[in-house]
Amino acid sequence: TVIVDCSAAIKYCLLSKLDWVARFGGDEFVVCLNGAAREKVIEVAKNICKKIADMRIEENDSVRFSASVGISVTHGNMTAAELLALADARMYKAKKIGKNCIVADGPGLEKPLQ
């Protein structure tokens, strides 16, 4: 299925065995990059967008896929719920902006990254 293929595409982009991807509902996924620097996280997000955009369905090659990515990097004593809420808000912002868009939090990363 498309969801399984998306999951595999995302997993392919992970950096280490400590990183993981999980379906978060519907067509949403959570990716955890343990200990990765912000620059590496953005690089992985770009790779994920490309990998998903390159996906094809055998039965209909005209179908195209895209990803909207919201990035949140932990700061201090953030809870998992706070981290997910930040990433979720940025993912919805990315969806509003357009296909294969990445929105990150943090100093200098408040604008969409294409």
Protein backbone atom coordinates (compact mmCIF):
# COMPACT_ATOMS: atom_id res chain seq x y z
CA THR A 1 0.00 0.00 0.00
CA VAL A 2 0.98 3.64 -0.31
CA ILE A 3 1.29 4.04 3.47
CA VAL A 4 3.71 1.09 3.68
CA ASP A 5 5.73 2.51 0.77
CA CYS A 6 5.85 5.94 2.43
CA SER A 7 7.03 4.37 5.66
CA ALA A 8 9.78 2.50 3.83
CA ALA A 9 10.84 5.67 2.00
CA ILE A 10 11.07 7.57 5.28
CA LYS A 11 12.92 4.73 7.02
CA TYR A 12 15.46 4.70 4.18
CA CYS A 13 16.36 8.32 5.05
CA LEU A 14 17.06 7.74 8.75
CA LEU A 15 20.57 8.35 10.05
CA SER A 16 21.15 5.64 12.66
CA LYS A 17 19.69 2.52 14.25
CA LEU A 18 18.49 4.69 17.15
CA ASP A 19 16.23 6.70 14.82
CA TRP A 20 12.67 5.60 14.19
CA VAL A 21 9.52 6.35 12.22
CA ALA A 22 5.94 5.69 13.35
CA ARG A 23 2.56 6.26 11.76
CA PHE A 24 0.84 9.01 13.70
CA GLY A 25 -2.59 8.65 12.14
CA GLY A 26 -4.04 8.76 8.67
CA ASP A 27 -1.21 9.72 6.36
CA GLU A 28 0.95 11.35 9.06
CA PHE A 29 4.23 10.01 10.41
CA VAL A 30 6.49 10.96 13.30
CA VAL A 31 10.23 10.66 12.74
CA CYS A 32 12.64 10.71 15.68
CA LEU A 33 16.29 11.48 14.91
CA ASN A 34 18.03 10.90 18.23
CA GLY A 35 20.80 13.39 18.94
CA ALA A 36 20.83 14.82 15.41
CA ALA A 37 21.85 18.45 14.96
CA ARG A 38 19.24 20.80 13.47
CA GLU A 39 21.13 20.96 10.15
CA LYS A 40 21.08 17.16 9.86
CA VAL A 41 17.36 17.09 10.68
CA ILE A 42 16.66 19.54 7.86
CA GLU A 43 18.82 17.49 5.49
CA VAL A 44 16.88 14.32 6.40
CA ALA A 45 13.56 16.16 5.91
CA LYS A 46 14.64 17.25 2.42
CA ASN A 47 15.69 13.68 1.61
CA ILE A 48 12.31 12.39 2.81
CA CYS A 49 10.46 14.89 0.61
CA LYS A 50 12.53 13.84 -2.41
CA LYS A 51 12.12 10.13 -1.71
CA ILE A 52 8.33 10.47 -1.40
CA ALA A 53 8.12 12.69 -4.49
CA ASP A 54 9.97 9.96 -6.44
CA MET A 55 7.41 7.28 -5.47
CA ARG A 56 5.23 5.84 -8.23
CA ILE A 57 2.26 3.50 -8.46
CA GLU A 58 2.65 0.79 -11.10
CA GLU A 59 -1.00 0.94 -12.11
CA ASN A 60 -0.99 4.73 -12.61
CA ASP A 61 2.32 6.48 -13.21
CA SER A 62 0.60 9.87 -13.36
CA VAL A 63 -0.13 9.82 -9.60
CA ARG A 64 2.37 11.99 -7.73
CA PHE A 65 3.15 12.17 -4.02
CA SER A 66 4.40 14.97 -1.81
CA ALA A 67 5.27 15.55 1.82
CA SER A 68 4.63 18.40 4.22
CA VAL A 69 7.18 18.39 7.02
CA GLY A 70 7.06 20.17 10.38
CA ILE A 71 10.30 20.09 12.34
CA SER A 72 10.69 20.57 16.05
CA VAL A 73 14.00 20.17 17.87
CA THR A 74 13.92 19.68 21.62
CA HIS A 75 14.94 22.67 23.73
CA GLY A 76 15.71 22.04 27.40
CA ASN A 77 12.97 20.28 29.34
CA MET A 78 10.33 19.93 26.62
CA THR A 79 7.82 17.14 27.03
CA ALA A 80 7.04 14.74 24.20
CA ALA A 81 3.59 16.34 23.92
CA GLU A 82 5.12 19.82 23.52
CA LEU A 83 7.60 18.57 20.93
CA LEU A 84 4.85 16.87 18.92
CA ALA A 85 2.56 19.91 19.16
CA LEU A 86 5.29 22.16 17.74
CA ALA A 87 6.05 19.76 14.89
CA ASP A 88 2.33 19.28 14.19
CA ALA A 89 1.68 23.04 14.00
CA ARG A 90 4.58 23.47 11.60
CA MET A 91 3.44 20.52 9.49
CA TYR A 92 0.03 22.17 9.03
CA LYS A 93 1.77 25.42 8.12
CA ALA A 94 3.82 23.51 5.53
CA LYS A 95 0.61 21.95 4.13
CA LYS A 96 -0.88 25.43 3.65
CA ILE A 97 2.22 26.65 1.84
CA GLY A 98 2.36 23.85 -0.70
CA LYS A 99 3.76 20.52 -1.77
CA ASN A 100 7.11 19.22 -0.55
CA CYS A 101 7.47 22.03 1.94
CA ILE A 102 9.43 21.97 5.20
CA VAL A 103 8.78 24.34 8.10
CA ALA A 104 11.20 24.27 11.02
CA ASP A 105 11.22 25.90 14.42
CA GLY A 106 14.05 27.73 16.07
CA PRO A 107 16.10 30.84 15.42
CA GLY A 108 16.28 31.62 11.73
CA LEU A 109 14.09 28.70 10.71
CA GLU A 110 10.63 30.21 10.98
CA LYS A 111 10.25 30.43 7.22
CA PRO A 112 9.39 27.60 4.82
CA LEU A 113 12.31 25.67 3.34
CA GLN A 114 11.78 24.36 -0.17
